[in-house]
Amino acid sequence: MKPALLEVMRMNRICRMVLATCLGSFILVIFYFQIMRRNPFGVDICCRKGSRSPLQELYNPTQLELSSTAVLHQMRRDQVADACRASSAASRKRRVLTPSDLKHLVVDEDHGLIYCYVPKVACTNWKRLMMVLTGRGKYSDPMEIPASEAHVAANLKTLNQYSIPEINHRLKRYLKFLFVREPFERLVSAYRNKFTQKYNTSFHKRYGTKIIRRQRRNATQEALRRGDDVRFEEFVAYLVDPHTRREEPFNEHWQTVHSLCHPCHIRYDLVGKYETLEEDSNLVLRLAGVGGALRFPTYAKSTRTTDEMTTEFFQNISAEHQAQLYDVYKLDFLMFNYSVPSYLKLE
């Protein structure tokens, strides 16, 4: 009788364990579907736990199409390193980065990405993409995010918000990338956007009035007050004036890329180019493991600043100012393998 009683008790324990396991599995299934309803991308865009990191996929690719681009991106990295070595040898200045130098580096924890944004190099669309990647289901279509919202600082976390050990850890483990553009084409794009568009009154007041006051003889009181009709020649004269940089750093829209992203101090794994914007952007997304769910947004090219447009803007710039301006942006030209423009009157 006693063995039979023990057997019954043992079977009861087994039944309770099976019931608990089934109930736990049912709860997990419900929890999973709740997550999937909140985040339609599921594991495609969030949470790469257990999968290969973007760094691993870049330097040791498993996909043949990624292998074919490896040589190109190694050449771009080598070009940056060579320019940095030459610049370091020519200069006695040495500096160490501080957290405040890292405010342009946007961090994506879920996918192990660090993106240094450069204004006038598709940074609005890349900020939109980063908001989708870091939003954990809050956003799905990057083009549904208003441009104004993409530029709200609180919507993205930047590297300067971390402690020094956390910064070093992420710089070592995450894929670091930036996008660059022919320096003078980017400069003309910044001028057109900030000084020829009537809606940019904050730039007109902040910079336009100052530029006109310093660079225009016999300026009218109306021009001095409004600052909305800055000529490109005046803008260039302002940039090459030594007093300008002694007074304050350049605005980020015309600051040099090497001053914004510090590629001589931070080893970027991927240097994308504006000339191959969609191709390079979609490569980053594939490396992050979200290429099937996200693509870089395409948009009309009719308003883009082109090389021909840039040539036209420089026609009225004196040879002296052209040479001085090239010196300001020379390291960007060398670092990112852009030729000296044929329209420049350099002796």
Protein backbone atom coordinates (compact mmCIF):
# COMPACT_ATOMS: atom_id res chain seq x y z
CA MET A 1 0.00 0.00 0.00
CA LYS A 2 2.79 2.36 0.88
CA PRO A 3 4.65 1.96 -2.47
CA ALA A 4 1.38 2.61 -4.31
CA LEU A 5 0.85 5.85 -2.31
CA LEU A 6 4.38 7.01 -3.12
CA GLU A 7 3.78 6.31 -6.80
CA VAL A 8 0.60 8.40 -6.77
CA MET A 9 2.43 11.30 -5.09
CA ARG A 10 5.24 11.09 -7.65
CA MET A 11 2.76 11.20 -10.55
CA ASN A 12 1.06 14.25 -8.99
CA ARG A 13 4.40 16.09 -8.86
CA ILE A 14 5.09 15.21 -12.51
CA CYS A 15 1.64 16.47 -13.56
CA ARG A 16 2.16 19.75 -11.70
CA MET A 17 5.57 20.22 -13.39
CA VAL A 18 4.09 19.53 -16.85
CA LEU A 19 1.23 21.95 -16.16
CA ALA A 20 3.67 24.66 -14.98
CA THR A 21 5.84 24.17 -18.08
CA CYS A 22 2.84 24.41 -20.42
CA LEU A 23 1.55 27.53 -18.63
CA GLY A 24 5.02 29.15 -18.81
CA SER A 25 5.29 28.40 -22.53
CA PHE A 26 1.81 29.87 -23.11
CA ILE A 27 2.82 33.08 -21.29
CA LEU A 28 6.02 33.33 -23.36
CA VAL A 29 4.05 32.96 -26.61
CA ILE A 30 1.66 35.74 -25.55
CA PHE A 31 4.62 37.96 -24.55
CA TYR A 32 6.33 37.30 -27.90
CA PHE A 33 3.28 38.33 -29.92
CA GLN A 34 2.83 41.46 -27.80
CA ILE A 35 6.43 42.43 -28.64
CA MET A 36 5.88 41.72 -32.33
CA ARG A 37 2.77 43.92 -32.34
CA ARG A 38 4.75 46.80 -30.82
CA ASN A 39 7.76 46.26 -33.11
CA PRO A 40 6.81 45.13 -36.63
CA PHE A 41 10.48 44.66 -37.50
CA GLY A 42 10.97 42.11 -34.70
CA VAL A 43 14.57 40.95 -34.45
CA ASP A 44 15.41 42.46 -37.84
CA ILE A 45 15.87 45.94 -36.42
CA CYS A 46 16.17 45.37 -32.68
CA CYS A 47 18.39 43.19 -30.66
CA ARG A 48 21.27 41.46 -32.38
CA LYS A 49 22.06 39.24 -29.37
CA GLY A 50 23.85 36.10 -30.51
CA SER A 51 24.36 37.30 -34.09
CA ARG A 52 27.48 38.62 -35.78
CA SER A 53 28.26 42.27 -35.12
CA PRO A 54 28.59 44.83 -37.96
CA LEU A 55 32.34 44.95 -37.24
CA GLN A 56 32.66 41.19 -37.71
CA GLU A 57 30.62 41.29 -40.90
CA LEU A 58 32.72 44.14 -42.33
CA TYR A 59 36.17 42.72 -41.61
CA ASN A 60 35.30 39.02 -41.93
CA PRO A 61 32.28 38.95 -44.26
CA THR A 62 30.11 35.88 -44.75
CA GLN A 63 28.34 37.37 -47.78
CA LEU A 64 30.11 37.40 -51.15
CA GLU A 65 28.70 40.83 -52.07
CA LEU A 66 30.26 42.31 -48.91
CA SER A 67 33.61 40.70 -49.74
CA SER A 68 33.64 42.48 -53.11
CA THR A 69 33.43 45.91 -51.45
CA ALA A 70 36.07 45.20 -48.81
CA VAL A 71 38.98 46.34 -51.00
CA LEU A 72 37.31 49.68 -51.80
CA HIS A 73 36.64 50.48 -48.16
CA GLN A 74 40.12 49.41 -47.09
CA MET A 75 41.50 51.88 -49.67
CA ARG A 76 39.35 54.64 -48.20
CA ARG A 77 40.56 53.82 -44.68
CA ASP A 78 44.18 53.80 -45.88
CA GLN A 79 43.69 57.19 -47.57
CA VAL A 80 42.49 58.70 -44.30
CA ALA A 81 45.38 57.13 -42.34
CA ASP A 82 47.98 58.39 -44.85
CA ALA A 83 46.60 61.95 -44.73
CA CYS A 84 46.58 61.87 -40.93
CA ARG A 85 50.19 60.71 -40.78
CA ALA A 86 51.26 63.45 -43.18
CA SER A 87 49.33 66.07 -41.22
CA SER A 88 50.79 64.87 -37.93
CA ALA A 89 54.34 64.98 -39.31
CA ALA A 90 53.83 68.54 -40.57
CA SER A 91 52.36 69.84 -37.31
CA ARG A 92 53.78 70.01 -33.81
CA LYS A 93 50.34 70.33 -32.30
CA ARG A 94 49.05 67.33 -30.37
CA ARG A 95 45.66 67.13 -28.75
CA VAL A 96 43.57 64.59 -26.89
CA LEU A 97 39.86 64.32 -27.54
CA THR A 98 37.45 65.22 -24.77
CA PRO A 99 33.79 64.12 -24.51
CA SER A 100 32.71 67.51 -25.89
CA ASP A 101 34.45 66.60 -29.17
CA LEU A 102 32.10 63.64 -29.57
CA LYS A 103 28.74 65.40 -29.81
CA HIS A 104 28.38 64.56 -33.52
CA LEU A 105 28.75 60.81 -32.95
CA VAL A 106 25.30 59.18 -32.73
CA VAL A 107 25.16 55.80 -30.96
CA ASP A 108 22.93 52.82 -31.76
CA GLU A 109 23.25 50.35 -28.89
CA ASP A 110 21.02 47.67 -30.40
CA HIS A 111 23.04 47.24 -33.58
CA GLY A 112 26.51 48.31 -32.47
CA LEU A 113 26.76 51.42 -34.67
CA ILE A 114 28.33 54.86 -34.24
CA TYR A 115 27.49 57.43 -36.92
CA CYS A 116 29.26 60.77 -37.14
CA TYR A 117 26.87 63.14 -38.84
CA VAL A 118 28.19 65.82 -41.19
CA PRO A 119 25.68 68.54 -42.15
CA LYS A 120 25.01 68.82 -45.89
CA VAL A 121 25.96 65.18 -46.46
CA ALA A 122 22.52 63.56 -46.21
CA CYS A 123 22.58 63.80 -42.42
CA THR A 124 18.83 64.43 -42.14
CA ASN A 125 17.98 61.10 -43.75
CA TRP A 126 20.68 59.30 -41.80
CA LYS A 127 19.34 60.75 -38.54
CA ARG A 128 15.91 59.49 -39.57
CA LEU A 129 17.37 56.03 -40.12
CA MET A 130 19.10 56.12 -36.73
CA MET A 131 15.79 57.06 -35.10
CA VAL A 132 14.19 53.98 -36.70
CA LEU A 133 17.10 51.76 -35.65
CA THR A 134 17.14 53.00 -32.05
CA GLY A 135 13.38 53.53 -31.66
CA ARG A 136 12.54 49.87 -30.88
CA GLY A 137 9.38 49.94 -32.96
CA LYS A 138 8.37 53.55 -32.33
CA TYR A 139 9.18 54.41 -35.96
CA SER A 140 8.97 52.25 -39.07
CA ASP A 141 9.22 54.51 -42.13
CA PRO A 142 12.11 57.01 -41.90
CA MET A 143 10.46 59.39 -44.38
CA GLU A 144 7.44 59.76 -42.07
CA ILE A 145 9.72 61.46 -39.53
CA PRO A 146 9.67 65.26 -40.11
CA ALA A 147 13.06 66.81 -40.80
CA SER A 148 12.60 69.13 -37.82
CA GLU A 149 12.08 66.14 -35.52
CA ALA A 150 15.17 64.38 -36.89
CA HIS A 151 17.28 67.34 -35.74
CA VAL A 152 15.96 67.41 -32.17
CA ALA A 153 19.02 66.52 -30.09
CA ALA A 154 17.03 64.56 -27.48
CA ASN A 155 15.81 62.07 -30.09
CA LEU A 156 19.25 60.48 -30.50
CA LYS A 157 21.97 59.60 -28.00
CA THR A 158 25.47 60.85 -28.75
CA LEU A 159 28.80 59.49 -27.56
CA ASN A 160 29.59 62.49 -25.36
CA GLN A 161 26.73 61.44 -23.05
CA TYR A 162 28.64 58.36 -21.85
CA SER A 163 31.39 57.97 -19.25
CA ILE A 164 35.01 57.67 -20.42
CA PRO A 165 35.12 53.85 -19.96
CA GLU A 166 31.78 53.53 -21.80
CA ILE A 167 33.08 55.72 -24.62
CA ASN A 168 36.23 53.63 -25.01
CA HIS A 169 34.22 50.39 -24.97
CA ARG A 170 31.92 51.57 -27.75
CA LEU A 171 34.72 53.00 -29.87
CA LYS A 172 36.40 49.60 -29.70
CA ARG A 173 33.36 47.36 -30.24
CA TYR A 174 30.97 49.31 -32.50
CA LEU A 175 31.15 49.93 -36.25
CA LYS A 176 32.03 53.60 -36.76
CA PHE A 177 31.03 55.32 -40.00
CA LEU A 178 30.59 58.74 -41.57
CA PHE A 179 29.64 60.21 -44.92
CA VAL A 180 31.71 62.82 -46.76
CA ARG A 181 31.31 65.06 -49.80
CA GLU A 182 33.52 67.11 -52.11
CA PRO A 183 34.39 69.99 -49.72
CA PHE A 184 33.54 72.95 -51.95
CA GLU A 185 30.34 71.34 -53.22
CA ARG A 186 29.31 70.88 -49.58
CA LEU A 187 30.24 74.51 -48.87
CA VAL A 188 28.13 75.84 -51.74
CA SER A 189 25.26 73.62 -50.60
CA ALA A 190 25.51 75.12 -47.10
CA TYR A 191 25.56 78.67 -48.52
CA ARG A 192 22.53 78.03 -50.74
CA ASN A 193 20.54 76.49 -47.91
CA LYS A 194 21.40 78.94 -45.13
CA PHE A 195 21.71 82.26 -46.97
CA THR A 196 19.48 82.12 -50.06
CA GLN A 197 16.36 80.60 -48.49
CA LYS A 198 14.04 83.18 -46.97
CA TYR A 199 12.88 80.85 -44.17
CA ASN A 200 16.35 80.61 -42.59
CA THR A 201 15.94 83.83 -40.63
CA SER A 202 17.94 82.51 -37.65
CA PHE A 203 21.05 82.14 -39.85
CA HIS A 204 20.43 85.52 -41.44
CA LYS A 205 20.32 87.17 -38.02
CA ARG A 206 23.13 85.12 -36.45
CA TYR A 207 25.62 85.09 -39.34
CA GLY A 208 24.25 87.13 -42.25
CA THR A 209 24.22 90.45 -40.40
CA LYS A 210 27.77 89.84 -39.14
CA ILE A 211 29.08 88.91 -42.60
CA ILE A 212 27.53 91.96 -44.24
CA ARG A 213 28.80 94.27 -41.51
CA ARG A 214 32.38 93.00 -41.96
CA GLN A 215 32.56 92.37 -45.68
CA ARG A 216 30.25 94.86 -47.44
CA ARG A 217 31.25 98.45 -47.93
CA ASN A 218 28.46 101.00 -47.70
CA ALA A 219 25.91 98.39 -46.65
CA THR A 220 22.38 99.72 -46.27
CA GLN A 221 20.72 99.80 -42.88
CA GLU A 222 18.14 97.35 -44.21
CA ALA A 223 20.85 94.81 -45.20
CA LEU A 224 22.59 95.22 -41.84
CA ARG A 225 19.32 94.66 -40.04
CA ARG A 226 18.02 91.69 -42.06
CA GLY A 227 21.20 89.89 -43.16
CA ASP A 228 19.25 87.95 -45.78
CA ASP A 229 21.16 88.84 -48.95
CA VAL A 230 24.71 87.63 -48.25
CA ARG A 231 26.68 87.16 -51.48
CA PHE A 232 28.83 84.07 -51.93
CA GLU A 233 31.95 86.24 -52.30
CA GLU A 234 31.19 87.83 -48.91
CA PHE A 235 30.64 84.40 -47.35
CA VAL A 236 34.05 83.20 -48.63
CA ALA A 237 35.75 86.39 -47.44
CA TYR A 238 34.24 85.79 -43.99
CA LEU A 239 35.53 82.19 -43.93
CA VAL A 240 39.13 83.09 -44.86
CA ASP A 241 39.27 86.08 -42.51
CA PRO A 242 41.60 85.03 -39.62
CA HIS A 243 39.44 87.02 -37.20
CA THR A 244 36.50 84.67 -37.87
CA ARG A 245 38.10 81.53 -36.45
CA ARG A 246 39.76 83.41 -33.61
CA GLU A 247 36.35 84.67 -32.57
CA GLU A 248 34.57 81.28 -32.54
CA PRO A 249 34.61 77.89 -34.28
CA PHE A 250 32.91 77.57 -37.65
CA ASN A 251 29.24 76.66 -37.65
CA GLU A 252 28.81 72.90 -38.16
CA HIS A 253 27.32 73.43 -41.64
CA TRP A 254 30.64 74.74 -42.98
CA GLN A 255 33.03 73.30 -40.42
CA THR A 256 35.63 70.90 -41.87
CA VAL A 257 34.79 67.20 -41.64
CA HIS A 258 38.04 66.42 -39.83
CA SER A 259 37.09 68.95 -37.13
CA LEU A 260 33.59 67.51 -36.70
CA CYS A 261 34.42 63.79 -36.71
CA HIS A 262 38.14 63.68 -35.77
CA PRO A 263 39.18 60.83 -38.10
CA CYS A 264 42.83 61.23 -37.08
CA HIS A 265 41.85 60.28 -33.52
CA ILE A 266 38.94 57.92 -34.23
CA ARG A 267 39.51 55.07 -36.67
CA TYR A 268 36.38 54.96 -38.82
CA ASP A 269 35.56 51.53 -40.21
CA LEU A 270 33.54 52.80 -43.13
CA VAL A 271 33.83 56.09 -45.01
CA GLY A 272 30.75 56.58 -47.16
CA LYS A 273 30.68 59.12 -49.97
CA TYR A 274 27.92 61.40 -51.18
CA GLU A 275 28.74 60.34 -54.74
CA THR A 276 27.82 56.72 -53.85
CA LEU A 277 25.35 57.62 -51.10
CA GLU A 278 22.64 54.99 -51.57
CA GLU A 279 25.10 52.17 -52.23
CA ASP A 280 27.25 52.96 -49.19
CA SER A 281 24.24 53.62 -46.95
CA ASN A 282 22.60 50.33 -47.82
CA LEU A 283 25.92 48.59 -47.16
CA VAL A 284 25.85 49.93 -43.58
CA LEU A 285 22.29 48.67 -43.16
CA ARG A 286 23.26 45.22 -44.46
CA LEU A 287 26.21 45.09 -42.07
CA ALA A 288 23.81 45.96 -39.24
CA GLY A 289 21.59 43.05 -40.25
CA VAL A 290 18.58 45.16 -41.23
CA GLY A 291 19.10 45.39 -44.99
CA GLY A 292 15.95 43.37 -45.64
CA ALA A 293 13.74 45.72 -43.60
CA LEU A 294 15.33 49.14 -44.21
CA ARG A 295 16.67 50.95 -47.26
CA PHE A 296 18.20 54.39 -47.53
CA PRO A 297 15.45 56.85 -48.57
CA THR A 298 15.64 58.01 -52.18
CA TYR A 299 14.65 61.53 -53.10
CA ALA A 300 14.65 63.88 -56.07
CA LYS A 301 18.05 65.15 -57.13
CA SER A 302 16.83 68.29 -58.91
CA THR A 303 17.68 70.63 -56.01
CA ARG A 304 21.06 69.12 -55.17
CA THR A 305 24.17 71.25 -55.45
CA THR A 306 26.23 69.84 -58.32
CA ASP A 307 29.84 70.20 -59.46
CA GLU A 308 28.70 72.43 -62.34
CA MET A 309 26.81 74.66 -59.93
CA THR A 310 29.85 74.87 -57.64
CA THR A 311 32.07 75.87 -60.57
CA GLU A 312 29.69 78.72 -61.37
CA PHE A 313 29.69 79.99 -57.78
CA PHE A 314 33.51 80.12 -57.72
CA GLN A 315 33.82 82.18 -60.91
CA ASN A 316 33.62 85.47 -59.01
CA ILE A 317 35.99 84.45 -56.20
CA SER A 318 39.44 86.04 -56.41
CA ALA A 319 42.49 83.82 -56.87
CA GLU A 320 43.75 84.92 -53.46
CA HIS A 321 40.57 83.93 -51.68
CA GLN A 322 40.37 80.65 -53.63
CA ALA A 323 43.86 79.71 -52.45
CA GLN A 324 43.11 80.70 -48.85
CA LEU A 325 39.84 78.76 -48.87
CA TYR A 326 41.55 75.67 -50.27
CA ASP A 327 44.04 75.84 -47.40
CA VAL A 328 41.14 75.81 -44.91
CA TYR A 329 39.65 72.64 -46.42
CA LYS A 330 42.87 71.08 -47.76
CA LEU A 331 42.97 68.23 -45.25
CA ASP A 332 39.40 67.21 -46.14
CA PHE A 333 40.40 67.14 -49.83
CA LEU A 334 43.42 64.95 -49.09
CA MET A 335 41.86 62.74 -46.45
CA PHE A 336 38.86 61.74 -48.54
CA ASN A 337 40.65 61.60 -51.90
CA TYR A 338 39.06 64.58 -53.65
CA SER A 339 41.07 66.21 -56.43
CA VAL A 340 41.90 69.89 -56.50
CA PRO A 341 38.99 71.40 -58.48
CA SER A 342 39.95 72.31 -62.04
CA TYR A 343 38.21 75.69 -61.75
CA LEU A 344 40.49 76.90 -58.93
CA LYS A 345 43.02 79.55 -59.88
CA LEU A 346 45.87 78.20 -57.75
CA GLU A 347 49.42 79.22 -58.61
